[in-house]
Protein backbone atom coordinates (compact mmCIF):
# COMPACT_ATOMS: atom_id res chain seq x y z
CA UNK A 1 31.79 -67.30 8.91
CA UNK A 2 29.10 -68.80 6.51
CA UNK A 3 29.71 -72.52 4.94
CA UNK A 4 31.79 -72.85 1.67
CA UNK A 5 29.37 -72.10 -1.07
CA UNK A 6 30.00 -75.78 -2.23
CA UNK A 7 28.53 -77.32 0.84
CA UNK A 8 25.53 -79.57 -0.39
CA UNK A 9 23.02 -77.58 1.70
CA UNK A 10 24.09 -74.19 0.63
CA UNK A 11 24.03 -75.03 -2.96
CA UNK A 12 20.77 -76.54 -2.69
CA UNK A 13 19.54 -72.55 -1.20
CA UNK A 14 21.49 -71.18 -3.98
CA UNK A 15 20.50 -73.27 -7.10
CA UNK A 16 17.21 -71.59 -8.07
CA UNK A 17 19.01 -68.63 -8.74
CA UNK A 18 21.92 -70.27 -10.85
CA UNK A 19 19.52 -71.99 -12.54
CA UNK A 20 17.32 -69.11 -13.67
CA UNK A 21 20.63 -67.26 -14.40
CA UNK A 22 21.56 -69.53 -17.08
CA UNK A 23 17.88 -69.43 -18.36
CA UNK A 24 18.27 -65.54 -18.41
CA UNK A 25 21.82 -65.93 -20.30
CA UNK A 26 20.59 -68.28 -22.78
CA UNK A 27 17.34 -66.17 -23.64
CA UNK A 28 19.30 -62.57 -23.93
CA UNK A 29 21.93 -64.90 -26.39
CA UNK A 30 18.92 -65.83 -28.52
CA UNK A 31 17.27 -61.85 -28.23
CA UNK A 32 20.55 -60.51 -29.73
CA UNK A 33 21.02 -63.46 -32.19
CA UNK A 34 17.60 -63.08 -33.60
CA UNK A 35 18.66 -59.03 -34.22
CA UNK A 36 22.12 -59.86 -36.46
CA UNK A 37 24.36 -59.76 -33.59
CA UNK A 38 27.52 -61.69 -33.44
CA UNK A 39 28.70 -63.27 -29.79
CA UNK A 40 32.47 -62.29 -29.22
CA UNK A 41 35.09 -63.21 -26.91
CA UNK A 42 37.64 -60.71 -25.34
CA UNK A 43 40.56 -61.23 -23.69
CA UNK A 44 40.98 -60.71 -19.89
CA UNK A 45 44.32 -59.88 -19.98
CA UNK A 46 45.30 -56.18 -21.47
CA UNK A 47 47.85 -53.68 -21.20
CA UNK A 48 45.28 -51.00 -19.66
CA UNK A 49 42.76 -52.13 -17.47
CA UNK A 50 40.47 -49.12 -17.97
CA UNK A 51 41.37 -45.55 -17.30
CA UNK A 52 38.27 -44.15 -14.88
CA UNK A 53 39.82 -42.49 -12.24
CA UNK A 54 37.88 -44.38 -9.49
CA UNK A 55 38.04 -47.93 -10.79
CA UNK A 56 40.62 -50.32 -9.31
CA UNK A 57 42.28 -52.69 -11.32
CA UNK A 58 44.05 -56.41 -10.56
CA UNK A 59 47.50 -56.24 -11.65
CA UNK A 60 49.62 -59.32 -13.18
CA UNK A 61 53.23 -59.71 -14.74
CA UNK A 62 53.58 -61.78 -17.92
CA UNK A 63 57.11 -63.71 -18.33
CA UNK A 64 58.01 -64.18 -21.75
CA UNK A 65 60.23 -67.05 -22.81
CA UNK A 66 63.47 -64.99 -22.01
CA UNK A 67 62.20 -63.96 -18.54
CA UNK A 68 61.68 -60.89 -19.35
CA UNK A 69 58.78 -58.74 -17.60
CA UNK A 70 55.72 -57.02 -18.66
CA UNK A 71 52.89 -55.42 -16.48
CA UNK A 72 49.74 -56.34 -17.69
CA UNK A 73 46.16 -56.04 -16.24
CA UNK A 74 42.83 -57.61 -15.67
CA UNK A 75 40.41 -55.82 -17.67
CA UNK A 76 37.89 -53.84 -15.83
CA UNK A 77 35.41 -53.82 -18.93
CA UNK A 78 35.82 -55.37 -22.34
CA UNK A 79 35.13 -52.06 -23.58
CA UNK A 80 38.76 -51.08 -25.46
CA UNK A 81 38.58 -55.13 -27.17
CA UNK A 82 35.19 -54.49 -28.43
CA UNK A 83 35.77 -51.11 -30.09
CA UNK A 84 39.00 -52.56 -31.67
CA UNK A 85 36.62 -54.83 -33.28
CA UNK A 86 34.46 -52.37 -34.16
CA UNK A 87 37.47 -50.43 -36.21
CA UNK A 88 38.11 -53.89 -37.75
CA UNK A 89 34.80 -53.96 -39.32
CA UNK A 90 32.12 -55.78 -36.99
CA UNK A 91 28.98 -54.13 -36.87
CA UNK A 92 26.49 -55.46 -34.24
CA UNK A 93 28.74 -57.45 -31.67
CA UNK A 94 27.82 -59.06 -27.83
CA UNK A 95 30.03 -60.36 -25.17
CA UNK A 96 29.47 -62.00 -21.77
CA UNK A 97 32.88 -60.94 -20.42
CA UNK A 98 34.26 -61.41 -17.06
CA UNK A 99 35.68 -58.58 -15.61
CA UNK A 100 37.67 -57.65 -12.36
CA UNK A 101 37.51 -55.00 -9.73
CA UNK A 102 39.79 -54.44 -6.67
CA UNK A 103 38.25 -52.67 -3.76
CA UNK A 104 35.05 -53.84 -4.36
CA UNK A 105 32.85 -55.93 -2.13
CA UNK A 106 29.28 -56.04 -0.97
CA UNK A 107 25.43 -56.90 -1.49
CA UNK A 108 25.85 -55.60 -5.37
CA UNK A 109 29.86 -55.58 -6.01
CA UNK A 110 32.12 -59.18 -6.42
CA UNK A 111 35.94 -58.85 -7.53
CA UNK A 112 34.68 -60.79 -10.52
CA UNK A 113 31.76 -60.00 -12.43
CA UNK A 114 29.88 -60.70 -15.52
CA UNK A 115 29.15 -57.70 -18.08
CA UNK A 116 26.87 -57.97 -20.90
CA UNK A 117 28.05 -55.38 -23.78
CA UNK A 118 27.00 -55.15 -26.90
CA UNK A 119 27.83 -52.07 -29.64
CA UNK A 120 25.97 -51.28 -32.54
CA UNK A 121 27.69 -49.12 -35.32
CA UNK A 122 25.99 -46.19 -36.87
CA UNK A 123 23.13 -46.09 -34.28
CA UNK A 124 22.32 -43.46 -31.93
CA UNK A 125 22.32 -43.98 -28.47
CA UNK A 126 18.90 -44.04 -28.10
CA UNK A 127 18.76 -47.61 -30.01
CA UNK A 128 20.78 -49.20 -27.01
CA UNK A 129 18.96 -47.53 -24.64
CA UNK A 130 15.88 -49.05 -25.90
CA UNK A 131 17.73 -52.35 -26.02
CA UNK A 132 18.47 -52.20 -22.09
CA UNK A 133 15.03 -51.28 -21.16
CA UNK A 134 14.10 -54.55 -23.49
CA UNK A 135 16.63 -56.54 -21.51
CA UNK A 136 14.89 -55.49 -18.49
CA UNK A 137 11.65 -56.84 -19.72
CA UNK A 138 13.18 -59.95 -21.19
CA UNK A 139 14.79 -60.87 -18.13
CA UNK A 140 11.56 -60.65 -15.97
CA UNK A 141 9.73 -62.77 -18.82
CA UNK A 142 12.47 -65.53 -18.39
CA UNK A 143 12.45 -65.55 -14.74
CA UNK A 144 8.46 -65.28 -14.36
CA UNK A 145 8.80 -62.42 -12.28
CA UNK A 146 5.98 -59.49 -12.16
CA UNK A 147 7.83 -57.01 -10.55
CA UNK A 148 11.36 -56.59 -9.04
CA UNK A 149 12.19 -55.54 -5.55
CA UNK A 150 15.40 -54.60 -3.54
CA UNK A 151 15.46 -53.36 0.36
CA UNK A 152 12.07 -52.14 -0.15
CA UNK A 153 11.93 -50.70 -3.30
CA UNK A 154 9.49 -52.38 -5.74
CA UNK A 155 9.50 -51.30 -9.90
CA UNK A 156 7.75 -53.20 -12.67
CA UNK A 157 10.40 -54.29 -15.24
CA UNK A 158 7.84 -54.39 -17.81
CA UNK A 159 6.43 -50.75 -17.96
CA UNK A 160 8.22 -48.47 -19.97
CA UNK A 161 11.00 -46.73 -18.40
CA UNK A 162 10.91 -43.10 -17.22
CA UNK A 163 13.55 -41.06 -19.03
CA UNK A 164 15.18 -38.09 -17.11
CA UNK A 165 18.15 -36.10 -17.85
CA UNK A 166 20.15 -35.53 -14.49
CA UNK A 167 20.00 -32.13 -14.88
CA UNK A 168 16.41 -32.64 -14.33
CA UNK A 169 16.84 -35.54 -11.72
CA UNK A 170 19.41 -32.97 -9.51
CA UNK A 171 16.41 -30.32 -9.89
CA UNK A 172 13.44 -32.94 -8.72
CA UNK A 173 15.43 -34.78 -6.14
CA UNK A 174 17.80 -32.64 -4.83
CA UNK A 175 16.62 -29.01 -5.39
CA UNK A 176 19.94 -28.46 -7.63
CA UNK A 177 20.41 -26.35 -10.79
CA UNK A 178 23.12 -28.38 -12.31
CA UNK A 179 23.62 -26.76 -15.37
CA UNK A 180 24.21 -22.81 -13.62
CA UNK A 181 27.37 -24.70 -12.39
CA UNK A 182 28.56 -25.91 -15.56
CA UNK A 183 29.57 -23.87 -18.57
CA UNK A 184 32.03 -24.19 -21.43
CA UNK A 185 34.74 -22.83 -19.75
CA UNK A 186 34.43 -25.15 -16.85
CA UNK A 187 33.07 -25.66 -13.51
CA UNK A 188 31.68 -23.52 -10.72
CA UNK A 189 32.99 -25.87 -7.65
CA UNK A 190 32.09 -23.77 -4.89
CA UNK A 191 28.21 -22.71 -6.13
CA UNK A 192 27.79 -26.78 -6.46
CA UNK A 193 29.12 -26.88 -2.52
CA UNK A 194 26.90 -24.37 -1.88
CA UNK A 195 23.66 -26.13 -3.08
CA UNK A 196 24.76 -29.05 -1.71
CA UNK A 197 25.14 -27.78 1.96
CA UNK A 198 21.22 -26.11 1.75
CA UNK A 199 20.78 -30.09 1.13
CA UNK A 200 22.63 -30.93 4.56
CA UNK A 201 25.48 -32.84 2.33
CA UNK A 202 28.99 -31.41 3.51
CA UNK A 203 31.67 -30.32 0.89
CA UNK A 204 35.31 -31.26 2.06
CA UNK A 205 37.93 -28.43 1.51
CA UNK A 206 39.60 -31.30 -1.45
CA UNK A 207 36.55 -32.09 -2.94
CA UNK A 208 36.31 -31.14 -6.70
CA UNK A 209 33.57 -30.24 -8.67
CA UNK A 210 33.27 -33.92 -9.94
CA UNK A 211 33.30 -35.53 -6.00
CA UNK A 212 30.56 -33.20 -5.14
CA UNK A 213 28.57 -34.19 -8.23
CA UNK A 214 29.31 -37.93 -7.27
CA UNK A 215 28.00 -36.96 -4.22
CA UNK A 216 25.20 -35.85 -4.92
CA UNK A 217 24.08 -38.06 -7.66
CA UNK A 218 24.81 -41.20 -4.85
CA UNK A 219 23.10 -39.05 -1.89
CA UNK A 220 20.02 -37.42 -3.11
CA UNK A 221 19.10 -38.69 -6.35
CA UNK A 222 20.32 -42.59 -7.05
CA UNK A 223 17.88 -44.09 -4.12
CA UNK A 224 15.07 -42.42 -5.62
CA UNK A 225 15.46 -43.65 -9.21
CA UNK A 226 14.02 -46.59 -10.58
CA UNK A 227 11.00 -46.90 -8.01
CA UNK A 228 7.67 -48.28 -10.06
CA UNK A 229 9.47 -48.30 -13.18
CA UNK A 230 12.61 -47.99 -14.42
CA UNK A 231 14.58 -45.13 -15.15
CA UNK A 232 16.87 -44.36 -17.78
CA UNK A 233 18.93 -41.18 -16.54
CA UNK A 234 20.63 -39.18 -19.90
CA UNK A 235 22.61 -36.68 -20.16
CA UNK A 236 25.54 -36.51 -17.97
CA UNK A 237 27.83 -33.76 -17.73
CA UNK A 238 30.15 -34.08 -20.23
CA UNK A 239 33.32 -34.28 -17.47
CA UNK A 240 31.52 -37.42 -16.17
CA UNK A 241 31.46 -39.48 -19.42
CA UNK A 242 35.07 -39.61 -20.69
CA UNK A 243 34.24 -42.21 -23.30
CA UNK A 244 30.98 -40.55 -24.77
CA UNK A 245 30.65 -37.83 -27.52
CA UNK A 246 28.97 -34.66 -26.27
CA UNK A 247 25.36 -33.66 -27.09
CA UNK A 248 25.65 -31.50 -29.90
CA UNK A 249 22.52 -29.52 -28.67
CA UNK A 250 24.12 -28.91 -25.59
CA UNK A 251 28.10 -29.62 -25.30
CA UNK A 252 28.02 -29.30 -21.65
CA UNK A 253 26.33 -32.68 -21.65
CA UNK A 254 27.15 -36.01 -22.96
CA UNK A 255 25.33 -39.06 -24.83
CA UNK A 256 25.66 -41.05 -21.71
CA UNK A 257 22.91 -42.91 -19.37
CA UNK A 258 22.08 -45.25 -17.06
CA UNK A 259 19.60 -47.32 -16.40
CA UNK A 260 18.24 -47.75 -12.61
CA UNK A 261 15.73 -50.25 -11.47
CA UNK A 262 14.77 -50.46 -7.70
CA UNK A 263 17.36 -47.78 -6.82
CA UNK A 264 20.36 -49.99 -8.49
CA UNK A 265 22.36 -49.13 -11.35
CA UNK A 266 22.04 -51.82 -13.83
CA UNK A 267 23.63 -50.12 -17.12
CA UNK A 268 25.73 -47.70 -18.25
CA UNK A 269 25.78 -46.23 -22.06
CA UNK A 270 27.31 -44.39 -24.30
CA UNK A 271 26.96 -42.72 -27.84
CA UNK A 272 30.60 -43.21 -28.52
CA UNK A 273 33.44 -40.95 -28.80
CA UNK A 274 35.72 -41.50 -31.48
CA UNK A 275 38.23 -38.58 -31.67
CA UNK A 276 41.42 -39.86 -30.80
CA UNK A 277 43.00 -37.02 -29.70
CA UNK A 278 40.01 -36.00 -27.27
CA UNK A 279 40.10 -39.49 -26.13
CA UNK A 280 43.61 -39.35 -25.23
CA UNK A 281 43.29 -35.72 -23.42
CA UNK A 282 40.59 -37.15 -21.09
CA UNK A 283 41.95 -40.49 -20.22
CA UNK A 284 44.98 -38.20 -19.35
CA UNK A 285 43.13 -36.47 -17.25
CA UNK A 286 41.35 -38.96 -15.36
CA UNK A 287 44.89 -40.56 -14.62
CA UNK A 288 46.26 -37.36 -13.54
CA UNK A 289 43.03 -37.55 -10.96
CA UNK A 290 43.92 -40.96 -10.23
CA UNK A 291 47.08 -39.90 -9.40
CA UNK A 292 46.01 -37.00 -7.02
CA UNK A 293 43.89 -38.95 -4.88
CA UNK A 294 45.16 -42.50 -4.93
CA UNK A 295 48.59 -42.12 -5.80
CA UNK A 296 49.02 -44.52 -8.92
CA UNK A 297 47.96 -44.29 -12.33
CA UNK A 298 47.64 -47.09 -15.03
CA UNK A 299 48.76 -46.80 -18.86
CA UNK A 300 46.90 -45.75 -21.98
CA UNK A 301 46.12 -48.66 -24.38
CA UNK A 302 47.81 -47.16 -27.34
CA UNK A 303 45.98 -49.61 -29.69
CA UNK A 304 43.32 -48.64 -28.70
CA UNK A 305 43.55 -44.81 -29.62
CA UNK A 306 45.04 -45.79 -32.91
CA UNK A 307 41.77 -47.98 -33.43
CA UNK A 308 39.84 -44.83 -32.97
CA UNK A 309 40.78 -43.51 -36.28
CA UNK A 310 38.95 -46.55 -37.99
CA UNK A 311 36.07 -46.69 -36.02
CA UNK A 312 32.77 -46.32 -37.23
CA UNK A 313 30.12 -43.88 -35.05
CA UNK A 314 28.86 -46.16 -33.01
CA UNK A 315 26.87 -46.63 -29.89
CA UNK A 316 27.43 -49.24 -26.97
CA UNK A 317 26.05 -50.13 -23.30
CA UNK A 318 27.34 -52.31 -20.49
CA UNK A 319 25.27 -54.50 -18.41
CA UNK A 320 25.74 -55.64 -14.91
CA UNK A 321 24.84 -59.36 -16.04
CA UNK A 322 24.71 -60.18 -12.10
CA UNK A 323 22.75 -57.51 -10.98
CA UNK A 324 19.82 -58.04 -13.35
CA UNK A 325 19.72 -61.65 -12.56
CA UNK A 326 19.63 -60.67 -8.86
CA UNK A 327 16.40 -58.29 -9.27
CA UNK A 328 15.03 -61.12 -11.56
CA UNK A 329 15.14 -64.04 -9.19
CA UNK A 330 14.51 -61.76 -5.65
CA UNK A 331 18.02 -62.95 -4.85
CA UNK A 332 19.53 -60.39 -2.10
CA UNK A 333 23.45 -60.65 -2.44
CA UNK A 334 25.42 -61.13 -5.47
CA UNK A 335 26.54 -64.30 -4.11
CA UNK A 336 23.68 -65.96 -4.72
CA UNK A 337 23.46 -65.45 -8.22
CA UNK A 338 27.10 -66.37 -9.25
CA UNK A 339 28.03 -69.99 -9.77
CA UNK A 340 31.33 -69.98 -7.96
CA UNK A 341 31.98 -67.04 -5.78
CA UNK A 342 35.25 -65.89 -4.51
CA UNK A 343 35.16 -67.22 -0.79
CA UNK A 344 34.78 -64.41 2.07
CA UNK A 345 37.94 -63.52 3.88
CA UNK A 346 36.51 -61.14 6.75
CA UNK A 347 38.55 -58.08 5.71
């Protein structure tokens, strides 16, 4: 086992990364404030941690003065709370939020990490795409780093990112005609399975279309993204964007993008869905799938769904701040850029 992070020698090795982290955070704060954003703080304890199928939350219990008990969760994202602030009338907001995700630990994952999340009311999602690219460049300039590298992949964070749709990336890197497997009436699981099989990726009998999409993206596409320059991957299938509105020109896909650099996913953004009825349907579908796979489900945040009726059209983005700092500083593991990481247990 490595020595604890607080030992003098280990802290001395980590300190340059941590000092750079503080500089990058300060520069980002200034960047947002110069553009009229207000920094907000969102509560970590929520009635729902979020309702994405594969996210695993930390559950706790609230004891009332009369010893009444109520289940609460540490949030996996500040998204629901920030959208309530948009409904309340805020128009440009950002936060550095501690967020919590269970069953996640590795070079790029930590059970508690920092999410930089921001929203623009009355703005198309292309604006937050531009924001994400600008913040990548800002981090590089602040760390005085011309190139980002990770596991043999190198990227110029100051170059204009390539913008490519998911369908085009699937065709280019995996030889898959993704849109031919999607229609307004549903998705063609068997057709996608056959395309994956031709690329040497085997489908299990219980894999759904969404499972197969995730396999194709993870195994065949993501490793190719963000090399040379960053990639903005856009127009995800609507089924893979539960919180995003459908694209008017092609309702098979959604106004969702992700920012990649050196093969690492850094940010995830949406043109936000504000239809409460449709949002409820999608979240319930996500929880049905979670029940099928993991045998559990999380409650819906009814307060969030009520707020959607008052929320203006908006776009938002969530960026993994620790990962950004890793790339900007040349760190190899996420613990190197977190001031007080959770000790390793060996599990």
